[in-house]
Amino acid sequence: MKKRRNHDTGFKARFKARVALEAVKGGRTVSELAAEYGVHPTMIHQWKKALLEGAADIFERGSKKAPEVDEGTVRALHAKIGELAVANDFLSRKLKPWTSK
């Protein structure tokens, strides 16, 4: 059984885009592309679909849309950050006797 390939995120995105573009061009079948690039044909179909669905976003005015953020979620996350900071400070003070040997 083949081991899955792990690449950095930037490489993954470029790889998927290149394969999806080749699938859209239609010069070769998806099966041929899958054999060449070592990925399952279903993945190529998914990447092709994502490319076609997201292509219009490239031409939208402005570079990237800012994600809509719910104020309640922001407050809850800030509260959680505060709790974690307090817990981290407490634990670091309690662990000092054991780490300063």
Protein backbone atom coordinates (compact mmCIF):
# COMPACT_ATOMS: atom_id res chain seq x y z
CA MET A 1 0.00 0.00 0.00
CA LYS A 2 1.37 3.42 -0.94
CA LYS A 3 2.08 5.95 1.74
CA ARG A 4 0.28 9.28 1.43
CA ARG A 5 2.33 12.21 0.22
CA ASN A 6 2.72 15.11 2.61
CA HIS A 7 3.79 18.45 1.18
CA ASP A 8 3.80 21.97 2.52
CA THR A 9 0.53 23.84 2.08
CA GLY A 10 1.75 26.15 -0.69
CA PHE A 11 3.01 23.24 -2.75
CA LYS A 12 -0.26 21.37 -2.24
CA ALA A 13 -2.32 24.27 -3.52
CA ARG A 14 -0.13 24.74 -6.60
CA PHE A 15 -0.16 21.00 -7.28
CA LYS A 16 -3.95 20.77 -7.03
CA ALA A 17 -4.38 23.85 -9.23
CA ARG A 18 -2.05 22.46 -11.89
CA VAL A 19 -3.80 19.07 -11.98
CA ALA A 20 -7.27 20.67 -11.96
CA LEU A 21 -6.30 22.99 -14.81
CA GLU A 22 -5.06 20.07 -16.86
CA ALA A 23 -8.36 18.28 -16.19
CA VAL A 24 -10.33 21.35 -17.29
CA LYS A 25 -8.28 21.66 -20.49
CA GLY A 26 -9.35 18.15 -21.43
CA GLY A 27 -6.16 17.16 -23.25
CA ARG A 28 -5.97 13.92 -21.30
CA THR A 29 -8.50 11.84 -19.42
CA VAL A 30 -8.82 12.01 -15.67
CA SER A 31 -7.57 8.42 -15.48
CA GLU A 32 -4.40 9.39 -17.35
CA LEU A 33 -3.84 12.37 -15.06
CA ALA A 34 -4.45 10.22 -11.98
CA ALA A 35 -1.86 7.70 -13.14
CA GLU A 36 0.69 10.40 -13.95
CA TYR A 37 0.33 12.35 -10.71
CA GLY A 38 -0.36 9.41 -8.40
CA VAL A 39 -3.70 10.59 -7.07
CA HIS A 40 -7.15 9.05 -7.14
CA PRO A 41 -9.41 10.13 -10.01
CA THR A 42 -12.10 11.17 -7.53
CA MET A 43 -9.71 13.74 -6.06
CA ILE A 44 -9.07 15.20 -9.49
CA HIS A 45 -12.81 15.50 -10.09
CA GLN A 46 -13.20 17.29 -6.72
CA TRP A 47 -10.32 19.68 -7.47
CA LYS A 48 -11.73 20.40 -10.93
CA LYS A 49 -15.17 21.14 -9.44
CA ALA A 50 -13.63 23.43 -6.79
CA LEU A 51 -11.64 25.26 -9.46
CA LEU A 52 -14.68 25.84 -11.63
CA GLU A 53 -16.83 26.96 -8.69
CA GLY A 54 -14.18 29.31 -7.30
CA ALA A 55 -12.98 30.79 -10.60
CA ALA A 56 -15.42 33.71 -10.45
CA ASP A 57 -13.99 34.81 -7.08
CA ILE A 58 -10.66 35.59 -8.74
CA PHE A 59 -12.25 38.37 -10.76
CA GLU A 60 -14.21 40.00 -7.94
CA ARG A 61 -13.36 43.65 -7.21
CA GLY A 62 -10.87 44.04 -4.39
CA SER A 63 -8.31 41.44 -3.52
CA LYS A 64 -9.79 39.29 -0.80
CA LYS A 65 -13.05 39.63 1.02
CA ALA A 66 -12.74 39.98 4.75
CA PRO A 67 -14.53 37.11 6.46
CA GLU A 68 -17.65 38.10 8.33
CA VAL A 69 -17.09 37.86 12.06
CA ASP A 70 -19.77 37.51 14.68
CA GLU A 71 -19.15 39.86 17.64
CA GLY A 72 -20.42 37.27 20.12
CA THR A 73 -17.87 34.76 18.85
CA VAL A 74 -15.08 37.33 19.18
CA ARG A 75 -16.07 38.09 22.77
CA ALA A 76 -16.22 34.40 23.63
CA LEU A 77 -12.79 33.79 22.09
CA HIS A 78 -11.28 36.75 23.95
CA ALA A 79 -12.72 35.40 27.20
CA LYS A 80 -11.22 31.99 26.48
CA ILE A 81 -7.83 33.57 25.73
CA GLY A 82 -8.00 35.34 29.10
CA GLU A 83 -8.82 32.11 30.91
CA LEU A 84 -5.96 30.29 29.22
CA ALA A 85 -3.52 33.11 30.00
CA VAL A 86 -4.47 32.97 33.69
CA ALA A 87 -4.14 29.18 33.75
CA ASN A 88 -0.78 29.34 31.96
CA ASP A 89 0.53 31.95 34.41
CA PHE A 90 -0.68 29.88 37.39
CA LEU A 91 0.91 26.69 36.11
CA SER A 92 4.20 28.37 35.25
CA ARG A 93 4.45 29.72 38.82
CA LYS A 94 3.61 26.32 40.32
CA LEU A 95 6.15 24.48 38.15
CA LYS A 96 9.08 26.81 38.88
CA PRO A 97 10.31 24.83 41.94
CA TRP A 98 10.67 21.68 39.81
CA THR A 99 12.21 23.28 36.71
CA SER A 100 14.92 25.35 38.40
CA LYS A 101 17.05 22.36 39.48
